[in-house]
Each structure stands twice: as structure tokens, then as C-alpha cells.
Amino acid sequence: MKVKVTFILFLMNALVFMSIGQEDPFLRDFLERWENSKKYFLAVAEAMPEDKYHEKVYEEGMNFAEQLMHVALIIDWHAFSKFDGREAGIRWEEFKPEGKTKQQMIRIAEKEFDRAKRLIATFDPERLNEKGSYADFTRTRRQFLLLLADHVSHHRGQMIVYLRLQKIVPPNYINYQ
């Protein structure tokens, strides 16, 4: 009986913990926006033909594949180190586009969006006002989430320009992202 009660208490605690992010209005709204942002980002990535993924638009810039993998890399780094405090540095090698197919790169980006979503969904809203450092500035965890969303939008916008340069009509905009 004691084991059963302990197990039930454990499950109840886990369910409460898993729903923390859903109860906070900021986190709930952010997660809705994040999911729509992911869908739109992946639709943009799918729209570019694979044979155009590595074409340079201009010499000093990133190509389409590099843009896609850069977003995945920064989601990993930013969400887990700047937002959640992971000590590990940037994992450059895992996110290099060379030797990866279009679908492999898209799956990596999708995985990073989903990993960040799980982190944010279980994040304790009491910690949103904690501060962390990035370069020469200090921001709250809430601000780090907003910066992460802005970064995705910034690079997705560049990817849309690349589609237009290929005379490809980009996917329709998904509201609230």
C-alpha cells in the first residue's frame, strides 16, 4: 500500500511539473507561437529544391542549407545554455550541412524545435525573471526566449528571400508565429 501511495504521488507530481509551462500565460502563448514558427520554418525548408540548398547568393553570406542548420544550432545552444543554463558550448560539428541531405537537415531542425518546446513546456515560470548573460548584456530568461524566437524569424526571412531569388513562391505565412 505504501509503495502504491508513493507511486501515485510521484505520478501526480510529474503531471503537475509537465503542465507548469501550460499554466503560465507567457509560456503558454510562447509555446503556441513556437509551434507555428516551427511549422512555417519547416514549410520554407521543404519549398527549396535540394539541388539549390548549397548555392551561394553572395560570397560572404550563408547558403540556404547553412541558414537552416544555423537556426537548428542556435536553438540547441540558445535554448539549452542561454535559457536553461547548460554549460556546454556550441556543438558546431553536429550542425554542419556538409554531407547531409535536405531531409536530414530538416529532421535535425525539427528535432531542435521539439527539444526546445519540451524544455519550455516544463520550465518553471518562477524562473522567467532570472537573469543570464550573453555577450555584453544581461537578460531575463523571458527575454532569452523572445530573442530565440526573433532569431528564427530573422533567418527564416533570409531563407524566404533565397526562395524568391530562385523564383519559388514561398509557403503562405502562418499567423501568430
C-alpha atoms as a PDB file:
ATOM      1  CA  MET A   1       0.000   0.000   0.000  1.00  0.00           C
ATOM      2  CA  LYS A   2       2.837   2.393   0.901  1.00  0.00           C
ATOM      3  CA  VAL A   3       4.530   1.790  -2.475  1.00  0.00           C
ATOM      4  CA  LYS A   4       1.237   2.376  -4.279  1.00  0.00           C
ATOM      5  CA  VAL A   5       0.664   5.719  -2.499  1.00  0.00           C
ATOM      6  CA  THR A   6       4.247   6.786  -3.181  1.00  0.00           C
ATOM      7  CA  PHE A   7       3.874   5.881  -6.858  1.00  0.00           C
ATOM      8  CA  ILE A   8       0.602   7.802  -7.149  1.00  0.00           C
ATOM      9  CA  LEU A   9       2.173  10.858  -5.501  1.00  0.00           C
ATOM     10  CA  PHE A  10       5.119  10.580  -7.877  1.00  0.00           C
ATOM     11  CA  LEU A  11       2.799  10.489 -10.902  1.00  0.00           C
ATOM     12  CA  MET A  12       0.763  13.438  -9.671  1.00  0.00           C
ATOM     13  CA  ASN A  13       3.925  15.452  -9.098  1.00  0.00           C
ATOM     14  CA  ALA A  14       5.203  14.573 -12.580  1.00  0.00           C
ATOM     15  CA  LEU A  15       1.920  15.639 -14.183  1.00  0.00           C
ATOM     16  CA  VAL A  16       1.967  18.952 -12.331  1.00  0.00           C
ATOM     17  CA  PHE A  17       5.575  19.524 -13.372  1.00  0.00           C
ATOM     18  CA  MET A  18       4.797  18.699 -17.025  1.00  0.00           C
ATOM     19  CA  SER A  19       1.946  21.211 -17.090  1.00  0.00           C
ATOM     20  CA  ILE A  20       3.808  24.121 -15.479  1.00  0.00           C
ATOM     21  CA  GLY A  21       4.577  25.839 -18.786  1.00  0.00           C
ATOM     22  CA  GLN A  22       0.983  25.376 -19.930  1.00  0.00           C
ATOM     23  CA  GLU A  23      -0.330  27.246 -16.873  1.00  0.00           C
ATOM     24  CA  ASP A  24       1.803  30.363 -17.239  1.00  0.00           C
ATOM     25  CA  PRO A  25       0.236  32.784 -19.773  1.00  0.00           C
ATOM     26  CA  PHE A  26       3.598  33.875 -21.206  1.00  0.00           C
ATOM     27  CA  LEU A  27       4.893  30.317 -21.622  1.00  0.00           C
ATOM     28  CA  ARG A  28       1.551  29.092 -22.983  1.00  0.00           C
ATOM     29  CA  ASP A  29       1.482  31.892 -25.585  1.00  0.00           C
ATOM     30  CA  PHE A  30       5.150  31.401 -26.418  1.00  0.00           C
ATOM     31  CA  LEU A  31       4.638  27.665 -26.980  1.00  0.00           C
ATOM     32  CA  GLU A  32       1.723  28.308 -29.343  1.00  0.00           C
ATOM     33  CA  ARG A  33       3.861  30.775 -31.278  1.00  0.00           C
ATOM     34  CA  TRP A  34       6.837  28.384 -31.226  1.00  0.00           C
ATOM     35  CA  GLU A  35       4.808  25.532 -32.747  1.00  0.00           C
ATOM     36  CA  ASN A  36       3.516  27.783 -35.543  1.00  0.00           C
ATOM     37  CA  SER A  37       7.015  29.120 -36.109  1.00  0.00           C
ATOM     38  CA  LYS A  38       8.303  25.563 -36.459  1.00  0.00           C
ATOM     39  CA  LYS A  39       5.597  24.662 -38.995  1.00  0.00           C
ATOM     40  CA  TYR A  40       6.338  27.728 -41.087  1.00  0.00           C
ATOM     41  CA  PHE A  41      10.107  27.262 -40.866  1.00  0.00           C
ATOM     42  CA  LEU A  42       9.837  23.623 -41.990  1.00  0.00           C
ATOM     43  CA  ALA A  43       7.474  24.562 -44.841  1.00  0.00           C
ATOM     44  CA  VAL A  44      10.028  27.120 -46.051  1.00  0.00           C
ATOM     45  CA  ALA A  45      12.798  24.493 -45.799  1.00  0.00           C
ATOM     46  CA  GLU A  46      10.713  21.975 -47.779  1.00  0.00           C
ATOM     47  CA  ALA A  47       9.991  24.521 -50.531  1.00  0.00           C
ATOM     48  CA  MET A  48      13.617  24.828 -51.663  1.00  0.00           C
ATOM     49  CA  PRO A  49      14.696  22.091 -54.093  1.00  0.00           C
ATOM     50  CA  GLU A  50      17.563  20.037 -52.718  1.00  0.00           C
ATOM     51  CA  ASP A  51      19.831  20.905 -55.658  1.00  0.00           C
ATOM     52  CA  LYS A  52      19.595  24.598 -54.672  1.00  0.00           C
ATOM     53  CA  TYR A  53      20.373  24.110 -50.969  1.00  0.00           C
ATOM     54  CA  HIS A  54      24.100  24.839 -51.336  1.00  0.00           C
ATOM     55  CA  GLU A  55      24.047  27.688 -53.874  1.00  0.00           C
ATOM     56  CA  LYS A  56      25.646  30.899 -52.619  1.00  0.00           C
ATOM     57  CA  VAL A  57      23.575  34.041 -53.117  1.00  0.00           C
ATOM     58  CA  TYR A  58      26.584  36.199 -52.293  1.00  0.00           C
ATOM     59  CA  GLU A  59      30.073  35.148 -51.333  1.00  0.00           C
ATOM     60  CA  GLU A  60      30.226  36.280 -47.707  1.00  0.00           C
ATOM     61  CA  GLY A  61      26.728  35.002 -46.842  1.00  0.00           C
ATOM     62  CA  MET A  62      25.348  31.640 -45.830  1.00  0.00           C
ATOM     63  CA  ASN A  63      23.655  29.435 -48.381  1.00  0.00           C
ATOM     64  CA  PHE A  64      20.162  28.012 -47.769  1.00  0.00           C
ATOM     65  CA  ALA A  65      21.477  24.833 -46.093  1.00  0.00           C
ATOM     66  CA  GLU A  66      23.757  26.869 -43.833  1.00  0.00           C
ATOM     67  CA  GLN A  67      20.844  29.122 -42.861  1.00  0.00           C
ATOM     68  CA  LEU A  68      18.722  26.088 -41.957  1.00  0.00           C
ATOM     69  CA  MET A  69      21.426  24.392 -39.924  1.00  0.00           C
ATOM     70  CA  HIS A  70      22.418  27.671 -38.264  1.00  0.00           C
ATOM     71  CA  VAL A  71      18.874  28.007 -36.917  1.00  0.00           C
ATOM     72  CA  ALA A  72      18.969  24.423 -35.579  1.00  0.00           C
ATOM     73  CA  LEU A  73      22.361  25.038 -33.979  1.00  0.00           C
ATOM     74  CA  ILE A  74      21.276  28.244 -32.283  1.00  0.00           C
ATOM     75  CA  ILE A  75      18.063  26.665 -30.992  1.00  0.00           C
ATOM     76  CA  ASP A  76      20.215  23.994 -29.343  1.00  0.00           C
ATOM     77  CA  TRP A  77      22.769  26.448 -27.991  1.00  0.00           C
ATOM     78  CA  HIS A  78      20.441  29.286 -27.060  1.00  0.00           C
ATOM     79  CA  ALA A  79      17.598  27.269 -25.528  1.00  0.00           C
ATOM     80  CA  PHE A  80      19.773  24.954 -23.510  1.00  0.00           C
ATOM     81  CA  SER A  81      22.649  27.216 -22.488  1.00  0.00           C
ATOM     82  CA  LYS A  82      21.333  30.774 -22.523  1.00  0.00           C
ATOM     83  CA  PHE A  83      17.766  29.995 -21.471  1.00  0.00           C
ATOM     84  CA  ASP A  84      18.273  26.899 -19.321  1.00  0.00           C
ATOM     85  CA  GLY A  85      21.895  27.321 -18.239  1.00  0.00           C
ATOM     86  CA  ARG A  86      23.611  24.271 -19.824  1.00  0.00           C
ATOM     87  CA  GLU A  87      27.370  24.726 -19.569  1.00  0.00           C
ATOM     88  CA  ALA A  88      28.320  23.016 -22.822  1.00  0.00           C
ATOM     89  CA  GLY A  89      29.461  25.207 -25.674  1.00  0.00           C
ATOM     90  CA  ILE A  90      28.253  25.345 -29.249  1.00  0.00           C
ATOM     91  CA  ARG A  91      28.209  21.921 -30.932  1.00  0.00           C
ATOM     92  CA  TRP A  92      29.394  23.054 -34.381  1.00  0.00           C
ATOM     93  CA  GLU A  93      30.197  19.642 -35.853  1.00  0.00           C
ATOM     94  CA  GLU A  94      26.713  18.179 -35.344  1.00  0.00           C
ATOM     95  CA  PHE A  95      25.108  21.030 -37.277  1.00  0.00           C
ATOM     96  CA  LYS A  96      27.332  21.315 -40.325  1.00  0.00           C
ATOM     97  CA  PRO A  97      25.287  20.906 -43.522  1.00  0.00           C
ATOM     98  CA  GLU A  98      28.056  19.181 -45.488  1.00  0.00           C
ATOM     99  CA  GLY A  99      27.283  15.523 -46.164  1.00  0.00           C
ATOM    100  CA  LYS A 100      23.634  15.828 -45.107  1.00  0.00           C
ATOM    101  CA  THR A 101      20.614  15.514 -47.351  1.00  0.00           C
ATOM    102  CA  LYS A 102      17.809  18.054 -47.392  1.00  0.00           C
ATOM    103  CA  GLN A 103      15.585  15.684 -45.397  1.00  0.00           C
ATOM    104  CA  GLN A 104      18.306  15.014 -42.823  1.00  0.00           C
ATOM    105  CA  MET A 105      18.763  18.735 -42.261  1.00  0.00           C
ATOM    106  CA  ILE A 106      15.021  19.313 -41.996  1.00  0.00           C
ATOM    107  CA  ARG A 107      14.705  16.479 -39.454  1.00  0.00           C
ATOM    108  CA  ILE A 108      17.560  17.956 -37.375  1.00  0.00           C
ATOM    109  CA  ALA A 109      15.835  21.363 -37.331  1.00  0.00           C
ATOM    110  CA  GLU A 110      12.503  19.764 -36.431  1.00  0.00           C
ATOM    111  CA  LYS A 111      14.156  17.820 -33.610  1.00  0.00           C
ATOM    112  CA  GLU A 112      15.679  21.016 -32.174  1.00  0.00           C
ATOM    113  CA  PHE A 113      12.358  22.862 -32.306  1.00  0.00           C
ATOM    114  CA  ASP A 114      10.744  19.931 -30.475  1.00  0.00           C
ATOM    115  CA  ARG A 115      13.529  19.638 -27.884  1.00  0.00           C
ATOM    116  CA  ALA A 116      13.216  23.341 -27.101  1.00  0.00           C
ATOM    117  CA  LYS A 117       9.428  23.005 -26.896  1.00  0.00           C
ATOM    118  CA  ARG A 118       9.735  20.228 -24.296  1.00  0.00           C
ATOM    119  CA  LEU A 119      12.187  22.325 -22.287  1.00  0.00           C
ATOM    120  CA  ILE A 120       9.952  25.376 -22.364  1.00  0.00           C
ATOM    121  CA  ALA A 121       6.810  23.359 -21.573  1.00  0.00           C
ATOM    122  CA  THR A 122       8.376  22.095 -18.354  1.00  0.00           C
ATOM    123  CA  PHE A 123      10.160  25.311 -17.426  1.00  0.00           C
ATOM    124  CA  ASP A 124       9.291  26.729 -14.017  1.00  0.00           C
ATOM    125  CA  PRO A 125       7.653  30.133 -14.690  1.00  0.00           C
ATOM    126  CA  GLU A 126       9.070  31.399 -11.392  1.00  0.00           C
ATOM    127  CA  ARG A 127      12.454  31.351 -13.142  1.00  0.00           C
ATOM    128  CA  LEU A 128      11.415  33.626 -16.046  1.00  0.00           C
ATOM    129  CA  ASN A 129      12.763  36.680 -14.230  1.00  0.00           C
ATOM    130  CA  GLU A 130      16.166  35.092 -13.538  1.00  0.00           C
ATOM    131  CA  LYS A 131      18.957  36.792 -15.409  1.00  0.00           C
ATOM    132  CA  GLY A 132      21.669  35.355 -17.564  1.00  0.00           C
ATOM    133  CA  SER A 133      24.454  36.844 -19.638  1.00  0.00           C
ATOM    134  CA  TYR A 134      25.034  36.829 -23.360  1.00  0.00           C
ATOM    135  CA  ALA A 135      27.959  38.675 -24.888  1.00  0.00           C
ATOM    136  CA  ASP A 136      27.984  42.110 -23.235  1.00  0.00           C
ATOM    137  CA  PHE A 137      24.409  42.174 -21.981  1.00  0.00           C
ATOM    138  CA  THR A 138      22.282  40.594 -19.290  1.00  0.00           C
ATOM    139  CA  ARG A 139      18.704  39.492 -19.946  1.00  0.00           C
ATOM    140  CA  THR A 140      15.901  37.659 -18.175  1.00  0.00           C
ATOM    141  CA  ARG A 141      15.003  34.102 -19.191  1.00  0.00           C
ATOM    142  CA  ARG A 142      11.816  35.570 -20.683  1.00  0.00           C
ATOM    143  CA  GLN A 143      13.910  37.909 -22.858  1.00  0.00           C
ATOM    144  CA  PHE A 144      16.109  34.995 -23.946  1.00  0.00           C
ATOM    145  CA  LEU A 145      13.003  33.209 -25.235  1.00  0.00           C
ATOM    146  CA  LEU A 146      11.970  36.288 -27.187  1.00  0.00           C
ATOM    147  CA  LEU A 147      15.484  36.599 -28.603  1.00  0.00           C
ATOM    148  CA  LEU A 148      15.355  32.934 -29.660  1.00  0.00           C
ATOM    149  CA  ALA A 149      12.058  33.493 -31.500  1.00  0.00           C
ATOM    150  CA  ASP A 150      13.441  36.632 -33.170  1.00  0.00           C
ATOM    151  CA  HIS A 151      16.488  34.698 -34.350  1.00  0.00           C
ATOM    152  CA  VAL A 152      14.327  32.054 -36.034  1.00  0.00           C
ATOM    153  CA  SER A 153      12.247  34.759 -37.741  1.00  0.00           C
ATOM    154  CA  HIS A 154      15.379  36.601 -38.893  1.00  0.00           C
ATOM    155  CA  HIS A 155      16.896  33.589 -40.647  1.00  0.00           C
ATOM    156  CA  ARG A 156      13.585  32.279 -41.961  1.00  0.00           C
ATOM    157  CA  GLY A 157      13.152  35.691 -43.616  1.00  0.00           C
ATOM    158  CA  GLN A 158      16.523  35.267 -45.315  1.00  0.00           C
ATOM    159  CA  MET A 159      15.501  31.788 -46.459  1.00  0.00           C
ATOM    160  CA  ILE A 160      12.324  33.253 -47.979  1.00  0.00           C
ATOM    161  CA  VAL A 161      14.445  35.736 -49.942  1.00  0.00           C
ATOM    162  CA  TYR A 162      16.509  32.792 -51.233  1.00  0.00           C
ATOM    163  CA  LEU A 163      13.294  31.108 -52.401  1.00  0.00           C
ATOM    164  CA  ARG A 164      12.252  34.287 -54.204  1.00  0.00           C
ATOM    165  CA  LEU A 165      15.660  34.521 -55.891  1.00  0.00           C
ATOM    166  CA  GLN A 166      15.006  31.019 -57.256  1.00  0.00           C
ATOM    167  CA  LYS A 167      11.582  32.228 -58.490  1.00  0.00           C
ATOM    168  CA  ILE A 168       9.870  29.969 -55.948  1.00  0.00           C
ATOM    169  CA  VAL A 169       6.753  31.284 -54.252  1.00  0.00           C
ATOM    170  CA  PRO A 170       7.259  30.776 -50.508  1.00  0.00           C
ATOM    171  CA  PRO A 171       4.653  28.975 -48.397  1.00  0.00           C
ATOM    172  CA  ASN A 172       1.812  31.095 -47.101  1.00  0.00           C
ATOM    173  CA  TYR A 173       2.562  32.916 -43.898  1.00  0.00           C
ATOM    174  CA  ILE A 174       1.307  31.138 -40.771  1.00  0.00           C
ATOM    175  CA  ASN A 175      -0.248  33.634 -38.392  1.00  0.00           C
ATOM    176  CA  TYR A 176       0.946  34.148 -34.855  1.00  0.00           C
ATOM    177  CA  GLN A 177       4.461  32.978 -35.119  1.00  0.00           C
END
